[in-house]
Amino acid sequence: MSGLTKQEKKIEELKQRLSTARTKEILLLNQIIALKEKCEQCEKKGNCDD
């Protein structure tokens, strides 16, 4: 037995899931920033579709 209780195992699992969620959040935020920058460039050029 590894010495971890069920509760400790659950805590470790939740920590891992939180870490994964934070990584996904950072990736999505980076995509949003990139899209905003692209949109701003198009607006400056005057060829914005919106």
PDB file of N, CA and C in Angstrom:
ATOM      1  N   MET A   1       0.841  -1.195   0.000  1.00  0.00           N
ATOM      2  CA  MET A   1       0.000   0.000   0.000  1.00  0.00           C
ATOM      3  C   MET A   1       0.875   1.243   0.000  1.00  0.00           C
ATOM      4  N   SER A   2       0.455   2.253  -0.693  1.00  0.00           N
ATOM      5  CA  SER A   2       1.275   3.452  -0.863  1.00  0.00           C
ATOM      6  C   SER A   2       1.307   4.346   0.363  1.00  0.00           C
ATOM      7  N   GLY A   3       0.414   4.126   1.310  1.00  0.00           N
ATOM      8  CA  GLY A   3       0.396   4.956   2.502  1.00  0.00           C
ATOM      9  C   GLY A   3      -0.550   6.138   2.406  1.00  0.00           C
ATOM     10  N   LEU A   4      -1.098   6.376   1.234  1.00  0.00           N
ATOM     11  CA  LEU A   4      -2.049   7.476   1.078  1.00  0.00           C
ATOM     12  C   LEU A   4      -3.454   6.988   1.394  1.00  0.00           C
ATOM     13  N   THR A   5      -4.172   7.783   2.133  1.00  0.00           N
ATOM     14  CA  THR A   5      -5.566   7.453   2.407  1.00  0.00           C
ATOM     15  C   THR A   5      -6.404   7.789   1.178  1.00  0.00           C
ATOM     16  N   LYS A   6      -7.645   7.338   1.182  1.00  0.00           N
ATOM     17  CA  LYS A   6      -8.546   7.669   0.066  1.00  0.00           C
ATOM     18  C   LYS A   6      -8.678   9.179  -0.079  1.00  0.00           C
ATOM     19  N   GLN A   7      -8.770   9.860   1.065  1.00  0.00           N
ATOM     20  CA  GLN A   7      -8.924  11.314   1.032  1.00  0.00           C
ATOM     21  C   GLN A   7      -7.678  11.973   0.432  1.00  0.00           C
ATOM     22  N   GLU A   8      -6.499  11.497   0.815  1.00  0.00           N
ATOM     23  CA  GLU A   8      -5.254  12.059   0.279  1.00  0.00           C
ATOM     24  C   GLU A   8      -5.140  11.802  -1.220  1.00  0.00           C
ATOM     25  N   LYS A   9      -5.556  10.614  -1.652  1.00  0.00           N
ATOM     26  CA  LYS A   9      -5.541  10.302  -3.083  1.00  0.00           C
ATOM     27  C   LYS A   9      -6.478  11.233  -3.841  1.00  0.00           C
ATOM     28  N   LYS A  10      -7.659  11.480  -3.261  1.00  0.00           N
ATOM     29  CA  LYS A  10      -8.640  12.368  -3.892  1.00  0.00           C
ATOM     30  C   LYS A  10      -8.077  13.784  -3.993  1.00  0.00           C
ATOM     31  N   ILE A  11      -7.405  14.238  -2.930  1.00  0.00           N
ATOM     32  CA  ILE A  11      -6.800  15.574  -2.937  1.00  0.00           C
ATOM     33  C   ILE A  11      -5.753  15.671  -4.041  1.00  0.00           C
ATOM     34  N   GLU A  12      -4.916  14.642  -4.176  1.00  0.00           N
ATOM     35  CA  GLU A  12      -3.895  14.646  -5.227  1.00  0.00           C
ATOM     36  C   GLU A  12      -4.538  14.665  -6.612  1.00  0.00           C
ATOM     37  N   GLU A  13      -5.616  13.897  -6.786  1.00  0.00           N
ATOM     38  CA  GLU A  13      -6.326  13.882  -8.068  1.00  0.00           C
ATOM     39  C   GLU A  13      -6.897  15.267  -8.385  1.00  0.00           C
ATOM     40  N   LEU A  14      -7.490  15.906  -7.382  1.00  0.00           N
ATOM     41  CA  LEU A  14      -8.074  17.233  -7.590  1.00  0.00           C
ATOM     42  C   LEU A  14      -6.999  18.272  -7.894  1.00  0.00           C
ATOM     43  N   LYS A  15      -5.849  18.154  -7.240  1.00  0.00           N
ATOM     44  CA  LYS A  15      -4.733  19.067  -7.527  1.00  0.00           C
ATOM     45  C   LYS A  15      -4.298  18.931  -8.981  1.00  0.00           C
ATOM     46  N   GLN A  16      -4.225  17.693  -9.462  1.00  0.00           N
ATOM     47  CA  GLN A  16      -3.824  17.445 -10.847  1.00  0.00           C
ATOM     48  C   GLN A  16      -4.855  18.017 -11.815  1.00  0.00           C
ATOM     49  N   ARG A  17      -6.128  17.812 -11.506  1.00  0.00           N
ATOM     50  CA  ARG A  17      -7.193  18.344 -12.370  1.00  0.00           C
ATOM     51  C   ARG A  17      -7.171  19.863 -12.390  1.00  0.00           C
ATOM     52  N   LEU A  18      -6.911  20.479 -11.240  1.00  0.00           N
ATOM     53  CA  LEU A  18      -6.828  21.934 -11.161  1.00  0.00           C
ATOM     54  C   LEU A  18      -5.659  22.447 -11.993  1.00  0.00           C
ATOM     55  N   SER A  19      -4.534  21.760 -11.898  1.00  0.00           N
ATOM     56  CA  SER A  19      -3.357  22.143 -12.678  1.00  0.00           C
ATOM     57  C   SER A  19      -3.660  22.071 -14.176  1.00  0.00           C
ATOM     58  N   THR A  20      -4.336  21.003 -14.592  1.00  0.00           N
ATOM     59  CA  THR A  20      -4.713  20.843 -16.001  1.00  0.00           C
ATOM     60  C   THR A  20      -5.664  21.955 -16.431  1.00  0.00           C
ATOM     61  N   ALA A  21      -6.630  22.271 -15.578  1.00  0.00           N
ATOM     62  CA  ALA A  21      -7.592  23.333 -15.894  1.00  0.00           C
ATOM     63  C   ALA A  21      -6.888  24.682 -16.023  1.00  0.00           C
ATOM     64  N   ARG A  22      -5.922  24.946 -15.145  1.00  0.00           N
ATOM     65  CA  ARG A  22      -5.178  26.209 -15.217  1.00  0.00           C
ATOM     66  C   ARG A  22      -4.377  26.292 -16.507  1.00  0.00           C
ATOM     67  N   THR A  23      -3.777  25.170 -16.901  1.00  0.00           N
ATOM     68  CA  THR A  23      -3.017  25.139 -18.153  1.00  0.00           C
ATOM     69  C   THR A  23      -3.934  25.441 -19.338  1.00  0.00           C
ATOM     70  N   LYS A  24      -5.105  24.820 -19.354  1.00  0.00           N
ATOM     71  CA  LYS A  24      -6.069  25.069 -20.440  1.00  0.00           C
ATOM     72  C   LYS A  24      -6.524  26.521 -20.432  1.00  0.00           C
ATOM     73  N   GLU A  25      -6.730  27.074 -19.238  1.00  0.00           N
ATOM     74  CA  GLU A  25      -7.155  28.470 -19.124  1.00  0.00           C
ATOM     75  C   GLU A  25      -6.091  29.397 -19.705  1.00  0.00           C
ATOM     76  N   ILE A  26      -4.830  29.136 -19.391  1.00  0.00           N
ATOM     77  CA  ILE A  26      -3.738  29.963 -19.908  1.00  0.00           C
ATOM     78  C   ILE A  26      -3.684  29.881 -21.430  1.00  0.00           C
ATOM     79  N   LEU A  27      -3.831  28.683 -21.975  1.00  0.00           N
ATOM     80  CA  LEU A  27      -3.814  28.526 -23.432  1.00  0.00           C
ATOM     81  C   LEU A  27      -4.961  29.291 -24.081  1.00  0.00           C
ATOM     82  N   LEU A  28      -6.154  29.212 -23.483  1.00  0.00           N
ATOM     83  CA  LEU A  28      -7.303  29.935 -24.029  1.00  0.00           C
ATOM     84  C   LEU A  28      -7.108  31.443 -23.931  1.00  0.00           C
ATOM     85  N   LEU A  29      -6.563  31.914 -22.816  1.00  0.00           N
ATOM     86  CA  LEU A  29      -6.309  33.349 -22.674  1.00  0.00           C
ATOM     87  C   LEU A  29      -5.302  33.825 -23.717  1.00  0.00           C
ATOM     88  N   ASN A  30      -4.289  33.017 -23.978  1.00  0.00           N
ATOM     89  CA  ASN A  30      -3.308  33.376 -25.006  1.00  0.00           C
ATOM     90  C   ASN A  30      -3.956  33.447 -26.382  1.00  0.00           C
ATOM     91  N   GLN A  31      -4.887  32.539 -26.664  1.00  0.00           N
ATOM     92  CA  GLN A  31      -5.598  32.568 -27.946  1.00  0.00           C
ATOM     93  C   GLN A  31      -6.458  33.821 -28.052  1.00  0.00           C
ATOM     94  N   ILE A  32      -7.119  34.196 -26.969  1.00  0.00           N
ATOM     95  CA  ILE A  32      -7.943  35.409 -26.961  1.00  0.00           C
ATOM     96  C   ILE A  32      -7.081  36.635 -27.219  1.00  0.00           C
ATOM     97  N   ILE A  33      -5.944  36.712 -26.555  1.00  0.00           N
ATOM     98  CA  ILE A  33      -5.034  37.848 -26.742  1.00  0.00           C
ATOM     99  C   ILE A  33      -4.575  37.922 -28.192  1.00  0.00           C
ATOM    100  N   ALA A  34      -4.213  36.780 -28.764  1.00  0.00           N
ATOM    101  CA  ALA A  34      -3.760  36.750 -30.157  1.00  0.00           C
ATOM    102  C   ALA A  34      -4.866  37.210 -31.102  1.00  0.00           C
ATOM    103  N   LEU A  35      -6.103  36.776 -30.856  1.00  0.00           N
ATOM    104  CA  LEU A  35      -7.219  37.193 -31.709  1.00  0.00           C
ATOM    105  C   LEU A  35      -7.496  38.687 -31.577  1.00  0.00           C
ATOM    106  N   LYS A  36      -7.404  39.212 -30.357  1.00  0.00           N
ATOM    107  CA  LYS A  36      -7.610  40.650 -30.151  1.00  0.00           C
ATOM    108  C   LYS A  36      -6.553  41.452 -30.901  1.00  0.00           C
ATOM    109  N   GLU A  37      -5.301  40.994 -30.824  1.00  0.00           N
ATOM    110  CA  GLU A  37      -4.225  41.692 -31.529  1.00  0.00           C
ATOM    111  C   GLU A  37      -4.448  41.655 -33.035  1.00  0.00           C
ATOM    112  N   LYS A  38      -4.875  40.498 -33.548  1.00  0.00           N
ATOM    113  CA  LYS A  38      -5.150  40.366 -34.979  1.00  0.00           C
ATOM    114  C   LYS A  38      -6.287  41.300 -35.385  1.00  0.00           C
ATOM    115  N   CYS A  39      -7.328  41.367 -34.566  1.00  0.00           N
ATOM    116  CA  CYS A  39      -8.471  42.228 -34.852  1.00  0.00           C
ATOM    117  C   CYS A  39      -8.042  43.698 -34.865  1.00  0.00           C
ATOM    118  N   GLU A  40      -7.217  44.081 -33.888  1.00  0.00           N
ATOM    119  CA  GLU A  40      -6.738  45.470 -33.831  1.00  0.00           C
ATOM    120  C   GLU A  40      -5.922  45.818 -35.074  1.00  0.00           C
ATOM    121  N   GLN A  41      -5.114  44.874 -35.548  1.00  0.00           N
ATOM    122  CA  GLN A  41      -4.321  45.120 -36.754  1.00  0.00           C
ATOM    123  C   GLN A  41      -5.230  45.316 -37.963  1.00  0.00           C
ATOM    124  N   CYS A  42      -6.266  44.486 -38.069  1.00  0.00           N
ATOM    125  CA  CYS A  42      -7.207  44.609 -39.190  1.00  0.00           C
ATOM    126  C   CYS A  42      -7.954  45.936 -39.129  1.00  0.00           C
ATOM    127  N   GLU A  43      -8.348  46.353 -37.930  1.00  0.00           N
ATOM    128  CA  GLU A  43      -9.052  47.626 -37.774  1.00  0.00           C
ATOM    129  C   GLU A  43      -8.164  48.789 -38.207  1.00  0.00           C
ATOM    130  N   LYS A  44      -6.887  48.726 -37.866  1.00  0.00           N
ATOM    131  CA  LYS A  44      -5.954  49.795 -38.250  1.00  0.00           C
ATOM    132  C   LYS A  44      -5.791  49.862 -39.762  1.00  0.00           C
ATOM    133  N   LYS A  45      -5.809  48.686 -40.409  1.00  0.00           N
ATOM    134  CA  LYS A  45      -5.660  48.642 -41.864  1.00  0.00           C
ATOM    135  C   LYS A  45      -6.952  49.029 -42.572  1.00  0.00           C
ATOM    136  N   GLY A  46      -8.067  48.992 -41.826  1.00  0.00           N
ATOM    137  CA  GLY A  46      -9.349  49.360 -42.409  1.00  0.00           C
ATOM    138  C   GLY A  46     -10.047  48.231 -43.128  1.00  0.00           C
ATOM    139  N   ASN A  47      -9.608  47.004 -42.924  1.00  0.00           N
ATOM    140  CA  ASN A  47     -10.264  45.868 -43.592  1.00  0.00           C
ATOM    141  C   ASN A  47     -10.899  44.920 -42.575  1.00  0.00           C
ATOM    142  N   CYS A  48     -11.550  45.526 -41.591  1.00  0.00           N
ATOM    143  CA  CYS A  48     -12.224  44.734 -40.557  1.00  0.00           C
ATOM    144  C   CYS A  48     -13.581  44.277 -41.086  1.00  0.00           C
ATOM    145  N   ASP A  49     -13.909  43.007 -40.887  1.00  0.00           N
ATOM    146  CA  ASP A  49     -15.178  42.452 -41.369  1.00  0.00           C
ATOM    147  C   ASP A  49     -16.357  42.840 -40.493  1.00  0.00           C
ATOM    148  N   ASP A  50     -16.088  43.199 -39.237  1.00  0.00           N
ATOM    149  CA  ASP A  50     -17.198  43.482 -38.310  1.00  0.00           C
ATOM    150  C   ASP A  50     -17.775  44.837 -38.532  1.00  0.00           C
TER     151      ASP A  50
END
